[in-house]
Each structure stands twice: as structure tokens, then as C-alpha cells.
Amino acid sequence: MKFKFLIVFLTCLSLSQSLFAEEVKNDISFYTGTFDVIDKEGDDKTSLFGIEHKNPDLFRDTFLGQFKPITGGFITGNSSIYLYTGIEGQYEIGPIKILPSFSPGYYEKGDGKDLGSVLEFKSEIKIGFDIFENSKLSYSYSHISNNDWGDTNPGTDNQQITFSKNF
């Protein structure tokens, strides 16, 4: 049920952007990895699967580099859900792209880890490279926590492998 909600939410978001654009350009990413990778007890460590959308037309050049909005979500093997929207930077060093991001979002624990609040913040660093024209393979490491705004703030560290395609 929650996975269906995630797919419907992201599909509606993508379609709403295409209604207002003359030419649709999308960067869709699928990722999988480990949720709570450094869990010492081992009872909350599980897999995750997610999807993320970026619109390359919304890149903005600033004095700090290039930035664009991101929207996405993931579901864990314990039925936890995180839906987010935020901003991602892009820095290129030869063929390598470094993509830091920050995204506030909605977290539902399901049968998984209680992060202390429904409002959580994800900080992520992604390192990727182009593998084909308009396709990228990346590794990322993220931290999600509520900045001590919740009842508790155990946080979680995650790692993912991402495949992105522009079309």
C-alpha cells in the first residue's frame, strides 16, 4: 500500500511539471541500498529502494555553483517511507560529478526505526560519473535526522547505488 502511494505521488509530481513545460526534460533516478548502515544493534538495518526526479531545465547558476530542485522518496524493507523535496548542487571534476544535497521530508516509520518525528532532514553526498549518453551511475551516503526537534533523534545513515537517466 505504501509503495503504491509513493509511486502515485511521484508520478503525479512528474506529470504536473510536464503540464507547464513546452518540452519535457526529466532526470529520473532509481536507487537501492542499505538503510541504517551503521546500526550497532542490527535490528533496524535493512534494504531500501527509491526514486528521485530532477528537472534539468531548473538548473540555476549561482556564485556557489549549479543548483536544482529534487523530489523523491524511498521505502525500506521494514515498510518505512521517506518522501522529500529539496535542493542539489553539482560540481564537476573531469568526468566525476559531486552532488551534495539537502532535503526536508516526511518520514513514516512503518515497522522500522522510529526517528522521533515525521519531519526529518536528509543531507547527502553523491559521487557519480556518466556511463552512457544521458545516463549516470552514482554512489551516495546520506544522513537523516530531525535536528533534535522530535521526541528523540537517533538519526540514520544510509548508502545507495543510483542509476540516473535523462530523457
C-alpha atoms as a PDB file:
ATOM      1  CA  MET A   1       0.000   0.000   0.000  1.00  0.00           C
ATOM      2  CA  LYS A   2       2.723   2.479   0.969  1.00  0.00           C
ATOM      3  CA  PHE A   3       4.803   1.602  -2.097  1.00  0.00           C
ATOM      4  CA  LYS A   4       1.786   2.280  -4.326  1.00  0.00           C
ATOM      5  CA  PHE A   5       1.311   5.653  -2.607  1.00  0.00           C
ATOM      6  CA  LEU A   6       4.969   6.520  -3.277  1.00  0.00           C
ATOM      7  CA  ILE A   7       4.692   5.625  -6.984  1.00  0.00           C
ATOM      8  CA  VAL A   8       1.416   7.564  -7.401  1.00  0.00           C
ATOM      9  CA  PHE A   9       2.853  10.614  -5.589  1.00  0.00           C
ATOM     10  CA  LEU A  10       5.988  10.790  -7.739  1.00  0.00           C
ATOM     11  CA  THR A  11       4.078  10.092 -10.975  1.00  0.00           C
ATOM     12  CA  CYS A  12       1.636  12.926 -10.227  1.00  0.00           C
ATOM     13  CA  LEU A  13       4.514  15.262  -9.436  1.00  0.00           C
ATOM     14  CA  SER A  14       6.264  14.444 -12.719  1.00  0.00           C
ATOM     15  CA  LEU A  15       3.065  14.827 -14.733  1.00  0.00           C
ATOM     16  CA  SER A  16       2.222  18.155 -13.104  1.00  0.00           C
ATOM     17  CA  GLN A  17       5.593  19.557 -14.150  1.00  0.00           C
ATOM     18  CA  SER A  18       5.068  18.386 -17.729  1.00  0.00           C
ATOM     19  CA  LEU A  19       1.749  20.256 -17.961  1.00  0.00           C
ATOM     20  CA  PHE A  20       3.541  23.569 -17.555  1.00  0.00           C
ATOM     21  CA  ALA A  21       6.564  22.892 -19.773  1.00  0.00           C
ATOM     22  CA  GLU A  22       6.706  23.132 -23.548  1.00  0.00           C
ATOM     23  CA  GLU A  23       9.391  20.472 -23.879  1.00  0.00           C
ATOM     24  CA  VAL A  24       9.583  17.928 -21.101  1.00  0.00           C
ATOM     25  CA  LYS A  25      13.060  17.117 -19.856  1.00  0.00           C
ATOM     26  CA  ASN A  26      13.399  14.794 -16.931  1.00  0.00           C
ATOM     27  CA  ASP A  27      16.165  13.224 -14.922  1.00  0.00           C
ATOM     28  CA  ILE A  28      14.760  10.147 -13.214  1.00  0.00           C
ATOM     29  CA  SER A  29      16.904   8.191 -10.756  1.00  0.00           C
ATOM     30  CA  PHE A  30      16.312   4.775  -9.258  1.00  0.00           C
ATOM     31  CA  TYR A  31      18.368   3.770  -6.273  1.00  0.00           C
ATOM     32  CA  THR A  32      18.820   0.907  -3.875  1.00  0.00           C
ATOM     33  CA  GLY A  33      20.976   0.462  -0.830  1.00  0.00           C
ATOM     34  CA  THR A  34      21.124  -0.016   2.912  1.00  0.00           C
ATOM     35  CA  PHE A  35      19.052   1.887   5.471  1.00  0.00           C
ATOM     36  CA  ASP A  36      20.710   2.495   8.864  1.00  0.00           C
ATOM     37  CA  VAL A  37      24.029   1.115   7.639  1.00  0.00           C
ATOM     38  CA  ILE A  38      25.899   1.696  10.926  1.00  0.00           C
ATOM     39  CA  ASP A  39      23.187   0.302  13.236  1.00  0.00           C
ATOM     40  CA  LYS A  40      25.075  -1.208  16.179  1.00  0.00           C
ATOM     41  CA  GLU A  41      22.269  -3.492  17.350  1.00  0.00           C
ATOM     42  CA  GLY A  42      21.492  -4.663  13.804  1.00  0.00           C
ATOM     43  CA  ASP A  43      17.716  -4.753  14.275  1.00  0.00           C
ATOM     44  CA  ASP A  44      16.957  -1.646  12.169  1.00  0.00           C
ATOM     45  CA  LYS A  45      19.446  -2.253   9.346  1.00  0.00           C
ATOM     46  CA  THR A  46      17.511  -3.107   6.189  1.00  0.00           C
ATOM     47  CA  SER A  47      17.349  -2.525   2.445  1.00  0.00           C
ATOM     48  CA  LEU A  48      15.824   0.494   0.742  1.00  0.00           C
ATOM     49  CA  PHE A  49      14.528   1.276  -2.734  1.00  0.00           C
ATOM     50  CA  GLY A  50      13.807   4.774  -4.021  1.00  0.00           C
ATOM     51  CA  ILE A  51      13.062   7.017  -6.937  1.00  0.00           C
ATOM     52  CA  GLU A  52      14.045  10.660  -7.478  1.00  0.00           C
ATOM     53  CA  HIS A  53      13.071  13.297 -10.031  1.00  0.00           C
ATOM     54  CA  LYS A  54      15.054  16.329 -11.208  1.00  0.00           C
ATOM     55  CA  ASN A  55      14.162  18.762 -13.967  1.00  0.00           C
ATOM     56  CA  PRO A  56      17.372  19.805 -15.797  1.00  0.00           C
ATOM     57  CA  ASP A  57      15.611  22.958 -17.052  1.00  0.00           C
ATOM     58  CA  LEU A  58      15.544  24.239 -13.477  1.00  0.00           C
ATOM     59  CA  PHE A  59      19.348  24.340 -13.049  1.00  0.00           C
ATOM     60  CA  ARG A  60      20.447  27.673 -11.626  1.00  0.00           C
ATOM     61  CA  ASP A  61      23.993  29.003 -11.752  1.00  0.00           C
ATOM     62  CA  THR A  62      24.996  30.797  -8.561  1.00  0.00           C
ATOM     63  CA  PHE A  63      28.253  32.038  -7.108  1.00  0.00           C
ATOM     64  CA  LEU A  64      28.307  28.749  -5.120  1.00  0.00           C
ATOM     65  CA  GLY A  65      27.843  26.538  -8.211  1.00  0.00           C
ATOM     66  CA  GLN A  66      24.930  24.946 -10.070  1.00  0.00           C
ATOM     67  CA  PHE A  67      21.783  24.020  -8.118  1.00  0.00           C
ATOM     68  CA  LYS A  68      18.480  22.357  -8.955  1.00  0.00           C
ATOM     69  CA  PRO A  69      15.407  21.157  -7.056  1.00  0.00           C
ATOM     70  CA  ILE A  70      14.957  17.452  -6.323  1.00  0.00           C
ATOM     71  CA  THR A  71      11.910  15.438  -5.286  1.00  0.00           C
ATOM     72  CA  GLY A  72      11.779  11.803  -4.342  1.00  0.00           C
ATOM     73  CA  GLY A  73      11.102   9.107  -1.851  1.00  0.00           C
ATOM     74  CA  PHE A  74      12.112   5.673  -0.684  1.00  0.00           C
ATOM     75  CA  ILE A  75      10.667   2.682   1.093  1.00  0.00           C
ATOM     76  CA  THR A  76      12.657   0.332   3.318  1.00  0.00           C
ATOM     77  CA  GLY A  77      12.437  -3.407   3.843  1.00  0.00           C
ATOM     78  CA  ASN A  78      10.656  -2.619   7.142  1.00  0.00           C
ATOM     79  CA  SER A  79       7.948  -0.536   5.392  1.00  0.00           C
ATOM     80  CA  SER A  80       9.356   2.831   6.488  1.00  0.00           C
ATOM     81  CA  ILE A  81       8.718   5.648   3.994  1.00  0.00           C
ATOM     82  CA  TYR A  82      10.545   8.912   3.440  1.00  0.00           C
ATOM     83  CA  LEU A  83       9.163  11.493   0.953  1.00  0.00           C
ATOM     84  CA  TYR A  84      11.301  14.570   0.356  1.00  0.00           C
ATOM     85  CA  THR A  85      11.887  17.668  -1.691  1.00  0.00           C
ATOM     86  CA  GLY A  86      14.975  19.836  -1.579  1.00  0.00           C
ATOM     87  CA  ILE A  87      17.960  21.171  -3.459  1.00  0.00           C
ATOM     88  CA  GLU A  88      21.033  19.557  -5.021  1.00  0.00           C
ATOM     89  CA  GLY A  89      24.304  21.142  -6.092  1.00  0.00           C
ATOM     90  CA  GLN A  90      26.519  19.903  -8.913  1.00  0.00           C
ATOM     91  CA  TYR A  91      30.282  20.211  -9.188  1.00  0.00           C
ATOM     92  CA  GLU A  92      32.337  18.572 -11.920  1.00  0.00           C
ATOM     93  CA  ILE A  93      35.927  17.398 -11.636  1.00  0.00           C
ATOM     94  CA  GLY A  94      36.711  15.965 -15.041  1.00  0.00           C
ATOM     95  CA  PRO A  95      34.346  13.030 -15.639  1.00  0.00           C
ATOM     96  CA  ILE A  96      33.346  12.852 -11.968  1.00  0.00           C
ATOM     97  CA  LYS A  97      30.316  14.710 -10.611  1.00  0.00           C
ATOM     98  CA  ILE A  98      29.989  15.588  -6.930  1.00  0.00           C
ATOM     99  CA  LEU A  99      26.367  16.173  -5.938  1.00  0.00           C
ATOM    100  CA  PRO A 100      25.669  17.395  -2.380  1.00  0.00           C
ATOM    101  CA  SER A 101      22.012  17.814  -1.408  1.00  0.00           C
ATOM    102  CA  PHE A 102      19.719  18.820   1.429  1.00  0.00           C
ATOM    103  CA  SER A 103      16.079  17.731   1.603  1.00  0.00           C
ATOM    104  CA  PRO A 104      13.482  18.110   4.326  1.00  0.00           C
ATOM    105  CA  GLY A 105      10.791  15.476   4.191  1.00  0.00           C
ATOM    106  CA  TYR A 106       8.021  13.369   5.681  1.00  0.00           C
ATOM    107  CA  TYR A 107       9.004  10.131   7.464  1.00  0.00           C
ATOM    108  CA  GLU A 108       6.698   7.303   8.473  1.00  0.00           C
ATOM    109  CA  LYS A 109       8.350   4.538  10.499  1.00  0.00           C
ATOM    110  CA  GLY A 110       6.095   1.640   9.440  1.00  0.00           C
ATOM    111  CA  ASP A 111       7.611  -1.463  11.079  1.00  0.00           C
ATOM    112  CA  GLY A 112      11.059   0.141  11.056  1.00  0.00           C
ATOM    113  CA  LYS A 113      13.154   2.571  13.030  1.00  0.00           C
ATOM    114  CA  ASP A 114      11.490   5.374  14.990  1.00  0.00           C
ATOM    115  CA  LEU A 115      13.391   8.550  14.076  1.00  0.00           C
ATOM    116  CA  GLY A 116      11.442  10.645  16.600  1.00  0.00           C
ATOM    117  CA  SER A 117       9.453  12.904  14.264  1.00  0.00           C
ATOM    118  CA  VAL A 118       7.546  12.944  10.986  1.00  0.00           C
ATOM    119  CA  LEU A 119       9.688  15.923   9.881  1.00  0.00           C
ATOM    120  CA  GLU A 120      13.190  14.707   9.076  1.00  0.00           C
ATOM    121  CA  PHE A 121      16.100  16.272   7.184  1.00  0.00           C
ATOM    122  CA  LYS A 122      18.310  14.389   4.721  1.00  0.00           C
ATOM    123  CA  SER A 123      21.860  15.524   3.969  1.00  0.00           C
ATOM    124  CA  GLU A 124      23.538  13.581   1.184  1.00  0.00           C
ATOM    125  CA  ILE A 125      26.751  13.482  -0.788  1.00  0.00           C
ATOM    126  CA  LYS A 126      26.713  11.666  -4.115  1.00  0.00           C
ATOM    127  CA  ILE A 127      29.653  10.883  -6.390  1.00  0.00           C
ATOM    128  CA  GLY A 128      28.818   9.845  -9.928  1.00  0.00           C
ATOM    129  CA  PHE A 129      30.045   9.583 -13.469  1.00  0.00           C
ATOM    130  CA  ASP A 130      28.454   9.314 -16.911  1.00  0.00           C
ATOM    131  CA  ILE A 131      28.331   5.747 -18.171  1.00  0.00           C
ATOM    132  CA  PHE A 132      26.373   6.378 -21.390  1.00  0.00           C
ATOM    133  CA  GLU A 133      24.989   9.462 -23.070  1.00  0.00           C
ATOM    134  CA  ASN A 134      22.410  10.939 -20.662  1.00  0.00           C
ATOM    135  CA  SER A 135      22.961   8.159 -18.079  1.00  0.00           C
ATOM    136  CA  LYS A 136      24.849   8.310 -14.803  1.00  0.00           C
ATOM    137  CA  LEU A 137      25.908   5.782 -12.153  1.00  0.00           C
ATOM    138  CA  SER A 138      26.487   7.094  -8.622  1.00  0.00           C
ATOM    139  CA  TYR A 139      27.273   6.132  -5.050  1.00  0.00           C
ATOM    140  CA  SER A 140      25.818   8.193  -2.228  1.00  0.00           C
ATOM    141  CA  TYR A 141      25.913   8.394   1.529  1.00  0.00           C
ATOM    142  CA  SER A 142      23.164  10.184   3.440  1.00  0.00           C
ATOM    143  CA  HIS A 143      22.218  11.064   6.986  1.00  0.00           C
ATOM    144  CA  ILE A 144      18.618  11.596   8.089  1.00  0.00           C
ATOM    145  CA  SER A 145      17.720  13.210  11.416  1.00  0.00           C
ATOM    146  CA  ASN A 146      15.252  15.679  12.903  1.00  0.00           C
ATOM    147  CA  ASN A 147      17.732  18.218  14.323  1.00  0.00           C
ATOM    148  CA  ASP A 148      16.517  17.425  17.870  1.00  0.00           C
ATOM    149  CA  TRP A 149      13.047  18.780  17.052  1.00  0.00           C
ATOM    150  CA  GLY A 150      11.406  15.405  17.779  1.00  0.00           C
ATOM    151  CA  ASP A 151      10.906  13.350  20.934  1.00  0.00           C
ATOM    152  CA  THR A 152      14.153  11.525  20.169  1.00  0.00           C
ATOM    153  CA  ASN A 153      16.794  11.934  17.471  1.00  0.00           C
ATOM    154  CA  PRO A 154      18.570   8.630  16.788  1.00  0.00           C
ATOM    155  CA  GLY A 155      19.183   9.505  13.119  1.00  0.00           C
ATOM    156  CA  THR A 156      20.125   7.054  10.422  1.00  0.00           C
ATOM    157  CA  ASP A 157      22.981   6.751   7.954  1.00  0.00           C
ATOM    158  CA  ASN A 158      22.282   5.221   4.561  1.00  0.00           C
ATOM    159  CA  GLN A 159      24.215   4.285   1.449  1.00  0.00           C
ATOM    160  CA  GLN A 160      22.861   3.866  -2.054  1.00  0.00           C
ATOM    161  CA  ILE A 161      23.808   2.992  -5.610  1.00  0.00           C
ATOM    162  CA  THR A 162      21.895   5.163  -8.102  1.00  0.00           C
ATOM    163  CA  PHE A 163      21.181   4.876 -11.821  1.00  0.00           C
ATOM    164  CA  SER A 164      20.005   8.148 -13.433  1.00  0.00           C
ATOM    165  CA  LYS A 165      18.665   8.700 -16.939  1.00  0.00           C
ATOM    166  CA  ASN A 166      17.844  11.984 -18.728  1.00  0.00           C
ATOM    167  CA  PHE A 167      15.062  11.857 -21.294  1.00  0.00           C
END
